[in-house]
PDB file of N, CA and C in Angstrom:
ATOM      1  N   MET A   1     121.800  53.584 158.071  1.00  0.00           N
ATOM      2  CA  MET A   1     122.087  52.888 156.832  1.00  0.00           C
ATOM      3  C   MET A   1     120.893  53.032 155.895  1.00  0.00           C
ATOM      4  N   LYS A   2     121.169  53.389 154.657  1.00  0.00           N
ATOM      5  CA  LYS A   2     120.133  53.435 153.626  1.00  0.00           C
ATOM      6  C   LYS A   2     120.303  52.226 152.712  1.00  0.00           C
ATOM      7  N   ILE A   3     119.172  51.684 152.302  1.00  0.00           N
ATOM      8  CA  ILE A   3     119.152  50.541 151.399  1.00  0.00           C
ATOM      9  C   ILE A   3     118.288  50.910 150.197  1.00  0.00           C
ATOM     10  N   GLN A   4     118.705  50.460 149.030  1.00  0.00           N
ATOM     11  CA  GLN A   4     117.915  50.679 147.825  1.00  0.00           C
ATOM     12  C   GLN A   4     117.174  49.395 147.481  1.00  0.00           C
ATOM     13  N   VAL A   5     115.897  49.532 147.161  1.00  0.00           N
ATOM     14  CA  VAL A   5     115.097  48.416 146.661  1.00  0.00           C
ATOM     15  C   VAL A   5     114.622  48.772 145.258  1.00  0.00           C
ATOM     16  N   ARG A   6     114.481  47.743 144.422  1.00  0.00           N
ATOM     17  CA  ARG A   6     114.053  47.938 143.032  1.00  0.00           C
ATOM     18  C   ARG A   6     112.904  46.997 142.704  1.00  0.00           C
ATOM     19  N   HIS A   7     112.059  47.480 141.826  1.00  0.00           N
ATOM     20  CA  HIS A   7     110.948  46.668 141.328  1.00  0.00           C
ATOM     21  C   HIS A   7     110.894  46.874 139.818  1.00  0.00           C
ATOM     22  N   ARG A   8     110.701  45.774 139.067  1.00  0.00           N
ATOM     23  CA  ARG A   8     110.621  45.847 137.606  1.00  0.00           C
ATOM     24  C   ARG A   8     109.175  45.721 137.143  1.00  0.00           C
ATOM     25  N   PHE A   9     108.895  46.407 136.054  1.00  0.00           N
ATOM     26  CA  PHE A   9     107.568  46.397 135.444  1.00  0.00           C
ATOM     27  C   PHE A   9     107.736  46.286 133.936  1.00  0.00           C
ATOM     28  N   ALA A  10     106.660  45.927 133.248  1.00  0.00           N
ATOM     29  CA  ALA A  10     106.700  45.811 131.794  1.00  0.00           C
ATOM     30  C   ALA A  10     105.408  46.357 131.208  1.00  0.00           C
ATOM     31  N   PHE A  11     105.545  46.937 130.023  1.00  0.00           N
ATOM     32  CA  PHE A  11     104.368  47.345 129.260  1.00  0.00           C
ATOM     33  C   PHE A  11     104.725  47.366 127.777  1.00  0.00           C
ATOM     34  N   GLU A  12     103.701  47.247 126.960  1.00  0.00           N
ATOM     35  CA  GLU A  12     103.846  47.245 125.502  1.00  0.00           C
ATOM     36  C   GLU A  12     103.231  48.524 124.971  1.00  0.00           C
ATOM     37  N   ALA A  13     103.914  49.159 124.025  1.00  0.00           N
ATOM     38  CA  ALA A  13     103.370  50.382 123.433  1.00  0.00           C
ATOM     39  C   ALA A  13     104.006  50.631 122.073  1.00  0.00           C
ATOM     40  N   ALA A  14     103.295  51.411 121.259  1.00  0.00           N
ATOM     41  CA  ALA A  14     103.777  51.766 119.921  1.00  0.00           C
ATOM     42  C   ALA A  14     103.994  53.271 119.858  1.00  0.00           C
ATOM     43  N   HIS A  15     104.861  53.682 118.936  1.00  0.00           N
ATOM     44  CA  HIS A  15     105.078  55.108 118.737  1.00  0.00           C
ATOM     45  C   HIS A  15     105.772  55.374 117.408  1.00  0.00           C
ATOM     46  N   VAL A  16     105.839  56.645 117.087  1.00  0.00           N
ATOM     47  CA  VAL A  16     106.582  57.180 115.952  1.00  0.00           C
ATOM     48  C   VAL A  16     107.387  58.347 116.505  1.00  0.00           C
ATOM     49  N   LEU A  17     108.645  58.432 116.147  1.00  0.00           N
ATOM     50  CA  LEU A  17     109.446  59.602 116.524  1.00  0.00           C
ATOM     51  C   LEU A  17     109.442  60.557 115.335  1.00  0.00           C
ATOM     52  N   PRO A  18     108.632  61.621 115.393  1.00  0.00           N
ATOM     53  CA  PRO A  18     108.406  62.461 114.220  1.00  0.00           C
ATOM     54  C   PRO A  18     109.646  63.218 113.737  1.00  0.00           C
ATOM     55  N   HIS A  19     110.645  63.409 114.583  1.00  0.00           N
ATOM     56  CA  HIS A  19     111.832  64.170 114.206  1.00  0.00           C
ATOM     57  C   HIS A  19     113.027  63.288 113.872  1.00  0.00           C
ATOM     58  N   HIS A  20     112.857  61.983 114.006  1.00  0.00           N
ATOM     59  CA  HIS A  20     113.959  61.050 113.782  1.00  0.00           C
ATOM     60  C   HIS A  20     114.229  60.903 112.287  1.00  0.00           C
ATOM     61  N   LEU A  21     115.494  60.822 111.915  1.00  0.00           N
ATOM     62  CA  LEU A  21     115.856  60.717 110.507  1.00  0.00           C
ATOM     63  C   LEU A  21     115.972  59.272 110.025  1.00  0.00           C
ATOM     64  N   GLY A  22     115.853  58.312 110.929  1.00  0.00           N
ATOM     65  CA  GLY A  22     116.004  56.907 110.567  1.00  0.00           C
ATOM     66  C   GLY A  22     114.711  56.136 110.671  1.00  0.00           C
ATOM     67  N   LYS A  23     114.861  54.834 110.923  1.00  0.00           N
ATOM     68  CA  LYS A  23     113.713  53.921 110.925  1.00  0.00           C
ATOM     69  C   LYS A  23     112.700  54.224 112.020  1.00  0.00           C
ATOM     70  N   CYS A  24     113.096  54.916 113.078  1.00  0.00           N
ATOM     71  CA  CYS A  24     112.154  55.216 114.166  1.00  0.00           C
ATOM     72  C   CYS A  24     111.114  56.269 113.773  1.00  0.00           C
ATOM     73  N   SER A  25     111.251  56.840 112.574  1.00  0.00           N
ATOM     74  CA  SER A  25     110.236  57.772 112.085  1.00  0.00           C
ATOM     75  C   SER A  25     109.012  57.027 111.550  1.00  0.00           C
ATOM     76  N   ARG A  26     109.113  55.696 111.498  1.00  0.00           N
ATOM     77  CA  ARG A  26     107.980  54.867 111.076  1.00  0.00           C
ATOM     78  C   ARG A  26     107.336  54.219 112.313  1.00  0.00           C
ATOM     79  N   LEU A  27     106.066  53.909 112.194  1.00  0.00           N
ATOM     80  CA  LEU A  27     105.330  53.283 113.291  1.00  0.00           C
ATOM     81  C   LEU A  27     106.006  51.978 113.705  1.00  0.00           C
ATOM     82  N   HIS A  28     106.250  51.832 115.008  1.00  0.00           N
ATOM     83  CA  HIS A  28     106.839  50.605 115.543  1.00  0.00           C
ATOM     84  C   HIS A  28     106.486  50.500 117.024  1.00  0.00           C
ATOM     85  N   GLY A  29     106.740  49.353 117.608  1.00  0.00           N
ATOM     86  CA  GLY A  29     106.417  49.143 119.011  1.00  0.00           C
ATOM     87  C   GLY A  29     107.593  48.614 119.794  1.00  0.00           C
ATOM     88  N   HIS A  30     107.460  48.686 121.112  1.00  0.00           N
ATOM     89  CA  HIS A  30     108.493  48.196 122.013  1.00  0.00           C
ATOM     90  C   HIS A  30     107.861  47.417 123.160  1.00  0.00           C
ATOM     91  N   SER A  31     108.628  46.490 123.689  1.00  0.00           N
ATOM     92  CA  SER A  31     108.307  45.842 124.956  1.00  0.00           C
ATOM     93  C   SER A  31     109.136  46.572 126.003  1.00  0.00           C
ATOM     94  N   TYR A  32     108.547  47.632 126.562  1.00  0.00           N
ATOM     95  CA  TYR A  32     109.262  48.468 127.519  1.00  0.00           C
ATOM     96  C   TYR A  32     109.437  47.736 128.842  1.00  0.00           C
ATOM     97  N   ARG A  33     110.553  47.999 129.505  1.00  0.00           N
ATOM     98  CA  ARG A  33     110.814  47.519 130.855  1.00  0.00           C
ATOM     99  C   ARG A  33     111.131  48.734 131.709  1.00  0.00           C
ATOM    100  N   LEU A  34     110.481  48.810 132.843  1.00  0.00           N
ATOM    101  CA  LEU A  34     110.661  49.933 133.758  1.00  0.00           C
ATOM    102  C   LEU A  34     111.197  49.410 135.080  1.00  0.00           C
ATOM    103  N   GLU A  35     112.257  50.024 135.574  1.00  0.00           N
ATOM    104  CA  GLU A  35     112.779  49.729 136.903  1.00  0.00           C
ATOM    105  C   GLU A  35     112.575  50.966 137.764  1.00  0.00           C
ATOM    106  N   VAL A  36     111.997  50.759 138.932  1.00  0.00           N
ATOM    107  CA  VAL A  36     111.774  51.840 139.883  1.00  0.00           C
ATOM    108  C   VAL A  36     112.545  51.508 141.147  1.00  0.00           C
ATOM    109  N   ALA A  37     113.390  52.446 141.592  1.00  0.00           N
ATOM    110  CA  ALA A  37     114.202  52.240 142.793  1.00  0.00           C
ATOM    111  C   ALA A  37     113.824  53.245 143.866  1.00  0.00           C
ATOM    112  N   LEU A  38     113.698  52.746 145.083  1.00  0.00           N
ATOM    113  CA  LEU A  38     113.475  53.578 146.266  1.00  0.00           C
ATOM    114  C   LEU A  38     114.662  53.384 147.190  1.00  0.00           C
ATOM    115  N   GLU A  39     114.992  54.425 147.926  1.00  0.00           N
ATOM    116  CA  GLU A  39     116.111  54.336 148.861  1.00  0.00           C
ATOM    117  C   GLU A  39     115.685  54.931 150.196  1.00  0.00           C
ATOM    118  N   GLY A  40     116.061  54.250 151.259  1.00  0.00           N
ATOM    119  CA  GLY A  40     115.734  54.760 152.583  1.00  0.00           C
ATOM    120  C   GLY A  40     116.199  53.821 153.662  1.00  0.00           C
ATOM    121  N   PRO A  41     115.932  54.213 154.901  1.00  0.00           N
ATOM    122  CA  PRO A  41     116.300  53.349 156.027  1.00  0.00           C
ATOM    123  C   PRO A  41     115.290  52.212 156.178  1.00  0.00           C
ATOM    124  N   LEU A  42     115.705  51.183 156.860  1.00  0.00           N
ATOM    125  CA  LEU A  42     114.786  50.096 157.182  1.00  0.00           C
ATOM    126  C   LEU A  42     113.779  50.594 158.208  1.00  0.00           C
ATOM    127  N   ARG A  43     112.538  50.240 158.024  1.00  0.00           N
ATOM    128  CA  ARG A  43     111.507  50.611 158.999  1.00  0.00           C
ATOM    129  C   ARG A  43     111.679  49.753 160.243  1.00  0.00           C
ATOM    130  N   THR A  44     111.429  50.350 161.371  1.00  0.00           N
ATOM    131  CA  THR A  44     111.653  49.649 162.634  1.00  0.00           C
ATOM    132  C   THR A  44     110.377  49.226 163.334  1.00  0.00           C
ATOM    133  N   GLN A  45     109.227  49.648 162.806  1.00  0.00           N
ATOM    134  CA  GLN A  45     107.961  49.306 163.442  1.00  0.00           C
ATOM    135  C   GLN A  45     106.907  48.996 162.401  1.00  0.00           C
ATOM    136  N   GLY A  46     105.840  48.391 162.849  1.00  0.00           N
ATOM    137  CA  GLY A  46     104.684  48.154 161.997  1.00  0.00           C
ATOM    138  C   GLY A  46     104.852  46.963 161.072  1.00  0.00           C
ATOM    139  N   PRO A  47     103.861  46.777 160.193  1.00  0.00           N
ATOM    140  CA  PRO A  47     103.873  45.610 159.302  1.00  0.00           C
ATOM    141  C   PRO A  47     105.004  45.650 158.271  1.00  0.00           C
ATOM    142  N   GLU A  48     105.580  46.824 158.019  1.00  0.00           N
ATOM    143  CA  GLU A  48     106.701  46.935 157.079  1.00  0.00           C
ATOM    144  C   GLU A  48     108.050  46.907 157.794  1.00  0.00           C
ATOM    145  N   GLN A  49     108.064  46.464 159.045  1.00  0.00           N
ATOM    146  CA  GLN A  49     109.315  46.395 159.807  1.00  0.00           C
ATOM    147  C   GLN A  49     110.352  45.587 159.031  1.00  0.00           C
ATOM    148  N   GLY A  50     111.559  46.134 158.932  1.00  0.00           N
ATOM    149  CA  GLY A  50     112.634  45.470 158.211  1.00  0.00           C
ATOM    150  C   GLY A  50     112.628  45.727 156.712  1.00  0.00           C
ATOM    151  N   MET A  51     111.716  46.596 156.253  1.00  0.00           N
ATOM    152  CA  MET A  51     111.611  46.920 154.823  1.00  0.00           C
ATOM    153  C   MET A  51     111.889  48.403 154.610  1.00  0.00           C
ATOM    154  N   VAL A  52     112.332  48.740 153.406  1.00  0.00           N
ATOM    155  CA  VAL A  52     112.359  50.137 152.976  1.00  0.00           C
ATOM    156  C   VAL A  52     110.951  50.526 152.563  1.00  0.00           C
ATOM    157  N   GLU A  53     110.321  49.667 151.755  1.00  0.00           N
ATOM    158  CA  GLU A  53     108.928  49.832 151.345  1.00  0.00           C
ATOM    159  C   GLU A  53     108.392  48.463 150.969  1.00  0.00           C
ATOM    160  N   ASP A  54     107.125  48.256 151.193  1.00  0.00           N
ATOM    161  CA  ASP A  54     106.472  47.005 150.829  1.00  0.00           C
ATOM    162  C   ASP A  54     106.396  46.923 149.299  1.00  0.00           C
ATOM    163  N   PHE A  55     106.907  45.837 148.711  1.00  0.00           N
ATOM    164  CA  PHE A  55     106.888  45.686 147.254  1.00  0.00           C
ATOM    165  C   PHE A  55     105.459  45.696 146.711  1.00  0.00           C
ATOM    166  N   ASP A  56     104.494  45.196 147.470  1.00  0.00           N
ATOM    167  CA  ASP A  56     103.103  45.225 147.013  1.00  0.00           C
ATOM    168  C   ASP A  56     102.607  46.663 146.874  1.00  0.00           C
ATOM    169  N   PHE A  57     102.944  47.516 147.849  1.00  0.00           N
ATOM    170  CA  PHE A  57     102.559  48.924 147.785  1.00  0.00           C
ATOM    171  C   PHE A  57     103.225  49.599 146.586  1.00  0.00           C
ATOM    172  N   LEU A  58     104.521  49.378 146.423  1.00  0.00           N
ATOM    173  CA  LEU A  58     105.257  49.951 145.304  1.00  0.00           C
ATOM    174  C   LEU A  58     104.629  49.524 143.975  1.00  0.00           C
ATOM    175  N   GLY A  59     104.332  48.244 143.836  1.00  0.00           N
ATOM    176  CA  GLY A  59     103.718  47.741 142.612  1.00  0.00           C
ATOM    177  C   GLY A  59     102.367  48.363 142.335  1.00  0.00           C
ATOM    178  N   LYS A  60     101.549  48.511 143.374  1.00  0.00           N
ATOM    179  CA  LYS A  60     100.215  49.099 143.220  1.00  0.00           C
ATOM    180  C   LYS A  60     100.309  50.534 142.715  1.00  0.00           C
ATOM    181  N   ILE A  61     101.184  51.318 143.307  1.00  0.00           N
ATOM    182  CA  ILE A  61     101.337  52.724 142.918  1.00  0.00           C
ATOM    183  C   ILE A  61     101.807  52.839 141.472  1.00  0.00           C
ATOM    184  N   VAL A  62     102.825  52.071 141.097  1.00  0.00           N
ATOM    185  CA  VAL A  62     103.368  52.158 139.727  1.00  0.00           C
ATOM    186  C   VAL A  62     102.337  51.668 138.716  1.00  0.00           C
ATOM    187  N   HIS A  63     101.627  50.616 139.031  1.00  0.00           N
ATOM    188  CA  HIS A  63     100.603  50.132 138.099  1.00  0.00           C
ATOM    189  C   HIS A  63      99.518  51.177 137.887  1.00  0.00           C
ATOM    190  N   GLU A  64      99.042  51.778 138.969  1.00  0.00           N
ATOM    191  CA  GLU A  64      97.963  52.765 138.855  1.00  0.00           C
ATOM    192  C   GLU A  64      98.423  54.041 138.152  1.00  0.00           C
ATOM    193  N   ALA A  65      99.606  54.534 138.482  1.00  0.00           N
ATOM    194  CA  ALA A  65     100.064  55.823 137.973  1.00  0.00           C
ATOM    195  C   ALA A  65     100.696  55.745 136.589  1.00  0.00           C
ATOM    196  N   VAL A  66     101.265  54.593 136.233  1.00  0.00           N
ATOM    197  CA  VAL A  66     102.062  54.516 135.003  1.00  0.00           C
ATOM    198  C   VAL A  66     101.601  53.399 134.068  1.00  0.00           C
ATOM    199  N   ILE A  67     101.676  52.170 134.529  1.00  0.00           N
ATOM    200  CA  ILE A  67     101.461  51.024 133.649  1.00  0.00           C
ATOM    201  C   ILE A  67     100.063  51.031 133.043  1.00  0.00           C
ATOM    202  N   GLU A  68      99.042  51.271 133.850  1.00  0.00           N
ATOM    203  CA  GLU A  68      97.671  51.285 133.327  1.00  0.00           C
ATOM    204  C   GLU A  68      97.469  52.386 132.297  1.00  0.00           C
ATOM    205  N   ARG A  69      98.239  53.449 132.392  1.00  0.00           N
ATOM    206  CA  ARG A  69      98.118  54.571 131.454  1.00  0.00           C
ATOM    207  C   ARG A  69      98.870  54.318 130.140  1.00  0.00           C
ATOM    208  N   LEU A  70      99.997  53.584 130.197  1.00  0.00           N
ATOM    209  CA  LEU A  70     100.846  53.424 129.021  1.00  0.00           C
ATOM    210  C   LEU A  70     100.708  52.090 128.302  1.00  0.00           C
ATOM    211  N   ASP A  71     100.299  51.044 129.007  1.00  0.00           N
ATOM    212  CA  ASP A  71     100.293  49.707 128.415  1.00  0.00           C
ATOM    213  C   ASP A  71      99.316  49.615 127.245  1.00  0.00           C
ATOM    214  N   HIS A  72      99.800  49.056 126.132  1.00  0.00           N
ATOM    215  CA  HIS A  72      99.026  48.856 124.913  1.00  0.00           C
ATOM    216  C   HIS A  72      98.392  50.162 124.423  1.00  0.00           C
ATOM    217  N   THR A  73      99.217  51.198 124.343  1.00  0.00           N
ATOM    218  CA  THR A  73      98.766  52.481 123.823  1.00  0.00           C
ATOM    219  C   THR A  73      99.628  52.907 122.649  1.00  0.00           C
ATOM    220  N   TYR A  74      99.146  53.912 121.953  1.00  0.00           N
ATOM    221  CA  TYR A  74      99.907  54.613 120.928  1.00  0.00           C
ATOM    222  C   TYR A  74     100.450  55.855 121.632  1.00  0.00           C
ATOM    223  N   LEU A  75     101.713  55.854 121.953  1.00  0.00           N
ATOM    224  CA  LEU A  75     102.309  56.885 122.805  1.00  0.00           C
ATOM    225  C   LEU A  75     102.215  58.286 122.220  1.00  0.00           C
ATOM    226  N   ASN A  76     102.106  58.418 120.904  1.00  0.00           N
ATOM    227  CA  ASN A  76     101.968  59.740 120.300  1.00  0.00           C
ATOM    228  C   ASN A  76     100.659  60.414 120.681  1.00  0.00           C
ATOM    229  N   ASP A  77      99.688  59.648 121.167  1.00  0.00           N
ATOM    230  CA  ASP A  77      98.454  60.253 121.673  1.00  0.00           C
ATOM    231  C   ASP A  77      98.696  60.972 122.994  1.00  0.00           C
ATOM    232  N   LEU A  78      99.769  60.617 123.708  1.00  0.00           N
ATOM    233  CA  LEU A  78     100.091  61.244 124.995  1.00  0.00           C
ATOM    234  C   LEU A  78     101.251  62.229 124.915  1.00  0.00           C
ATOM    235  N   PHE A  79     102.176  61.979 124.004  1.00  0.00           N
ATOM    236  CA  PHE A  79     103.396  62.776 123.881  1.00  0.00           C
ATOM    237  C   PHE A  79     103.597  63.169 122.420  1.00  0.00           C
ATOM    238  N   PRO A  80     103.863  64.438 122.136  1.00  0.00           N
ATOM    239  CA  PRO A  80     104.106  64.817 120.743  1.00  0.00           C
ATOM    240  C   PRO A  80     105.372  64.182 120.169  1.00  0.00           C
ATOM    241  N   ASN A  81     106.345  63.915 121.018  1.00  0.00           N
ATOM    242  CA  ASN A  81     107.613  63.316 120.590  1.00  0.00           C
ATOM    243  C   ASN A  81     108.007  62.278 121.646  1.00  0.00           C
ATOM    244  N   PRO A  82     107.461  61.062 121.568  1.00  0.00           N
ATOM    245  CA  PRO A  82     107.609  60.078 122.648  1.00  0.00           C
ATOM    246  C   PRO A  82     108.957  59.351 122.666  1.00  0.00           C
ATOM    247  N   THR A  83     110.009  60.106 122.970  1.00  0.00           N
ATOM    248  CA  THR A  83     111.326  59.497 123.145  1.00  0.00           C
ATOM    249  C   THR A  83     111.383  58.805 124.498  1.00  0.00           C
ATOM    250  N   ALA A  84     112.308  57.888 124.652  1.00  0.00           N
ATOM    251  CA  ALA A  84     112.480  57.216 125.948  1.00  0.00           C
ATOM    252  C   ALA A  84     112.766  58.239 127.045  1.00  0.00           C
ATOM    253  N   GLU A  85     113.537  59.265 126.721  1.00  0.00           N
ATOM    254  CA  GLU A  85     113.892  60.282 127.702  1.00  0.00           C
ATOM    255  C   GLU A  85     112.661  61.063 128.189  1.00  0.00           C
ATOM    256  N   LEU A  86     111.801  61.463 127.241  1.00  0.00           N
ATOM    257  CA  LEU A  86     110.611  62.233 127.624  1.00  0.00           C
ATOM    258  C   LEU A  86     109.593  61.370 128.358  1.00  0.00           C
ATOM    259  N   ILE A  87     109.482  60.108 127.979  1.00  0.00           N
ATOM    260  CA  ILE A  87     108.580  59.192 128.693  1.00  0.00           C
ATOM    261  C   ILE A  87     109.100  58.967 130.108  1.00  0.00           C
ATOM    262  N   ALA A  88     110.406  58.781 130.267  1.00  0.00           N
ATOM    263  CA  ALA A  88     110.990  58.593 131.598  1.00  0.00           C
ATOM    264  C   ALA A  88     110.731  59.814 132.474  1.00  0.00           C
ATOM    265  N   ALA A  89     110.876  61.013 131.924  1.00  0.00           N
ATOM    266  CA  ALA A  89     110.620  62.233 132.698  1.00  0.00           C
ATOM    267  C   ALA A  89     109.159  62.293 133.132  1.00  0.00           C
ATOM    268  N   TRP A  90     108.249  61.903 132.249  1.00  0.00           N
ATOM    269  CA  TRP A  90     106.824  61.875 132.582  1.00  0.00           C
ATOM    270  C   TRP A  90     106.556  60.874 133.708  1.00  0.00           C
ATOM    271  N   ILE A  91     107.174  59.696 133.624  1.00  0.00           N
ATOM    272  CA  ILE A  91     107.008  58.687 134.673  1.00  0.00           C
ATOM    273  C   ILE A  91     107.508  59.222 136.004  1.00  0.00           C
ATOM    274  N   TRP A  92     108.688  59.863 136.004  1.00  0.00           N
ATOM    275  CA  TRP A  92     109.225  60.418 137.243  1.00  0.00           C
ATOM    276  C   TRP A  92     108.224  61.398 137.866  1.00  0.00           C
ATOM    277  N   GLU A  93     107.686  62.289 137.047  1.00  0.00           N
ATOM    278  CA  GLU A  93     106.727  63.276 137.556  1.00  0.00           C
ATOM    279  C   GLU A  93     105.485  62.621 138.136  1.00  0.00           C
ATOM    280  N   ARG A  94     105.063  61.514 137.546  1.00  0.00           N
ATOM    281  CA  ARG A  94     103.877  60.803 138.050  1.00  0.00           C
ATOM    282  C   ARG A  94     104.145  60.103 139.383  1.00  0.00           C
ATOM    283  N   LEU A  95     105.400  59.736 139.648  1.00  0.00           N
ATOM    284  CA  LEU A  95     105.731  58.945 140.839  1.00  0.00           C
ATOM    285  C   LEU A  95     106.350  59.740 141.978  1.00  0.00           C
ATOM    286  N   GLU A  96     106.997  60.851 141.697  1.00  0.00           N
ATOM    287  CA  GLU A  96     107.808  61.514 142.718  1.00  0.00           C
ATOM    288  C   GLU A  96     107.028  61.938 143.960  1.00  0.00           C
ATOM    289  N   ASN A  97     105.760  62.270 143.829  1.00  0.00           N
ATOM    290  CA  ASN A  97     104.972  62.662 145.004  1.00  0.00           C
ATOM    291  C   ASN A  97     104.188  61.502 145.606  1.00  0.00           C
ATOM    292  N   LYS A  98     104.270  60.346 144.977  1.00  0.00           N
ATOM    293  CA  LYS A  98     103.529  59.178 145.466  1.00  0.00           C
ATOM    294  C   LYS A  98     104.419  58.157 146.173  1.00  0.00           C
ATOM    295  N   LEU A  99     105.733  58.218 145.895  1.00  0.00           N
ATOM    296  CA  LEU A  99     106.660  57.228 146.447  1.00  0.00           C
ATOM    297  C   LEU A  99     107.778  57.922 147.218  1.00  0.00           C
ATOM    298  N   SER A 100     107.761  57.747 148.504  1.00  0.00           N
ATOM    299  CA  SER A 100     108.805  58.312 149.348  1.00  0.00           C
ATOM    300  C   SER A 100     110.129  57.615 149.057  1.00  0.00           C
ATOM    301  N   GLY A 101     111.175  58.401 148.908  1.00  0.00           N
ATOM    302  CA  GLY A 101     112.492  57.836 148.688  1.00  0.00           C
ATOM    303  C   GLY A 101     112.773  57.431 147.256  1.00  0.00           C
ATOM    304  N   LEU A 102     111.966  57.915 146.300  1.00  0.00           N
ATOM    305  CA  LEU A 102     112.226  57.597 144.896  1.00  0.00           C
ATOM    306  C   LEU A 102     113.638  58.048 144.551  1.00  0.00           C
ATOM    307  N   SER A 103     114.477  57.103 144.134  1.00  0.00           N
ATOM    308  CA  SER A 103     115.875  57.444 143.887  1.00  0.00           C
ATOM    309  C   SER A 103     116.293  57.280 142.432  1.00  0.00           C
ATOM    310  N   GLU A 104     115.594  56.438 141.670  1.00  0.00           N
ATOM    311  CA  GLU A 104     115.997  56.223 140.282  1.00  0.00           C
ATOM    312  C   GLU A 104     114.888  55.521 139.524  1.00  0.00           C
ATOM    313  N   ILE A 105     114.767  55.872 138.260  1.00  0.00           N
ATOM    314  CA  ILE A 105     113.967  55.063 137.349  1.00  0.00           C
ATOM    315  C   ILE A 105     114.810  54.812 136.108  1.00  0.00           C
ATOM    316  N   ALA A 106     114.625  53.648 135.526  1.00  0.00           N
ATOM    317  CA  ALA A 106     115.273  53.302 134.263  1.00  0.00           C
ATOM    318  C   ALA A 106     114.191  52.765 133.351  1.00  0.00           C
ATOM    319  N   LEU A 107     114.043  53.389 132.198  1.00  0.00           N
ATOM    320  CA  LEU A 107     113.069  52.947 131.212  1.00  0.00           C
ATOM    321  C   LEU A 107     113.830  52.325 130.055  1.00  0.00           C
ATOM    322  N   TRP A 108     113.717  50.997 129.923  1.00  0.00           N
ATOM    323  CA  TRP A 108     114.382  50.239 128.869  1.00  0.00           C
ATOM    324  C   TRP A 108     113.453  50.166 127.675  1.00  0.00           C
ATOM    325  N   GLU A 109     113.887  50.737 126.558  1.00  0.00           N
ATOM    326  CA  GLU A 109     113.113  50.698 125.325  1.00  0.00           C
ATOM    327  C   GLU A 109     113.412  49.424 124.542  1.00  0.00           C
ATOM    328  N   THR A 110     114.642  48.982 124.625  1.00  0.00           N
ATOM    329  CA  THR A 110     115.067  47.723 124.026  1.00  0.00           C
ATOM    330  C   THR A 110     115.930  46.997 125.045  1.00  0.00           C
ATOM    331  N   GLU A 111     116.401  45.834 124.680  1.00  0.00           N
ATOM    332  CA  GLU A 111     117.288  45.080 125.568  1.00  0.00           C
ATOM    333  C   GLU A 111     118.588  45.838 125.838  1.00  0.00           C
ATOM    334  N   TYR A 112     118.955  46.739 124.925  1.00  0.00           N
ATOM    335  CA  TYR A 112     120.256  47.391 124.987  1.00  0.00           C
ATOM    336  C   TYR A 112     120.221  48.889 125.263  1.00  0.00           C
ATOM    337  N   ALA A 113     119.045  49.520 125.258  1.00  0.00           N
ATOM    338  CA  ALA A 113     118.971  50.979 125.345  1.00  0.00           C
ATOM    339  C   ALA A 113     117.937  51.425 126.371  1.00  0.00           C
ATOM    340  N   CYS A 114     118.356  52.343 127.251  1.00  0.00           N
ATOM    341  CA  CYS A 114     117.433  52.851 128.268  1.00  0.00           C
ATOM    342  C   CYS A 114     117.717  54.313 128.580  1.00  0.00           C
ATOM    343  N   ALA A 115     116.750  54.956 129.209  1.00  0.00           N
ATOM    344  CA  ALA A 115     116.893  56.301 129.751  1.00  0.00           C
ATOM    345  C   ALA A 115     116.795  56.180 131.264  1.00  0.00           C
ATOM    346  N   VAL A 116     117.709  56.841 131.995  1.00  0.00           N
ATOM    347  CA  VAL A 116     117.767  56.739 133.449  1.00  0.00           C
ATOM    348  C   VAL A 116     117.674  58.126 134.055  1.00  0.00           C
ATOM    349  N   ILE A 117     116.882  58.235 135.118  1.00  0.00           N
ATOM    350  CA  ILE A 117     116.799  59.475 135.891  1.00  0.00           C
ATOM    351  C   ILE A 117     117.164  59.137 137.323  1.00  0.00           C
ATOM    352  N   HIS A 118     118.129  59.886 137.877  1.00  0.00           N
ATOM    353  CA  HIS A 118     118.562  59.749 139.276  1.00  0.00           C
ATOM    354  C   HIS A 118     118.033  60.937 140.062  1.00  0.00           C
ATOM    355  N   ALA A 119     117.608  60.704 141.283  1.00  0.00           N
ATOM    356  CA  ALA A 119     117.074  61.777 142.128  1.00  0.00           C
ATOM    357  C   ALA A 119     118.079  62.907 142.311  1.00  0.00           C
ATOM    358  N   GLU A 120     119.351  62.568 142.486  1.00  0.00           N
ATOM    359  CA  GLU A 120     120.344  63.615 142.745  1.00  0.00           C
ATOM    360  C   GLU A 120     120.608  64.486 141.529  1.00  0.00           C
ATOM    361  N   HIS A 121     120.127  64.083 140.349  1.00  0.00           N
ATOM    362  CA  HIS A 121     120.314  64.879 139.141  1.00  0.00           C
ATOM    363  C   HIS A 121     119.084  65.696 138.789  1.00  0.00           C
ATOM    364  N   ARG A 122     118.078  65.650 139.616  1.00  0.00           N
ATOM    365  CA  ARG A 122     116.842  66.392 139.358  1.00  0.00           C
ATOM    366  C   ARG A 122     116.924  67.780 139.894  1.00  0.00           C
TER     367      ARG A 122
END
C-alpha cells in the first residue's frame, strides 16, 4: 500500500511578468503557498516506523532548498519570466533529488490559481 503525505509552506515574493499584456506586467507581490506531496509505503523499522516520511525532515529540506531562497525576494532576479509554472518547475528540480517519493507539488499564486506538477507527467 502506498500513502501520500502533504506538507504546506508559505513565502512572500514580488515579480513582474514582462510578457504579460495585463496588470501583471506591473510590479506586484503574492503570498505564495506551496504544497509538497510524497508517496510511498509505510516504513516498518526505525524512528520513522509507520510513516512515509518524517514531516520535520520534509520541512527542513523544503525550507533549505526553496523557501529560504524565494521568501521576500524579487523573483525577476532569479527568473527572467517568473510565472507560477516556471517557478513550480524550478522548485521541482530543487527537490526531486532530495526527497524520495516526490509525487506532486502545487504552487498557489493566489487563493484561486496554482500550477501543479505530478511525477507521472514528468
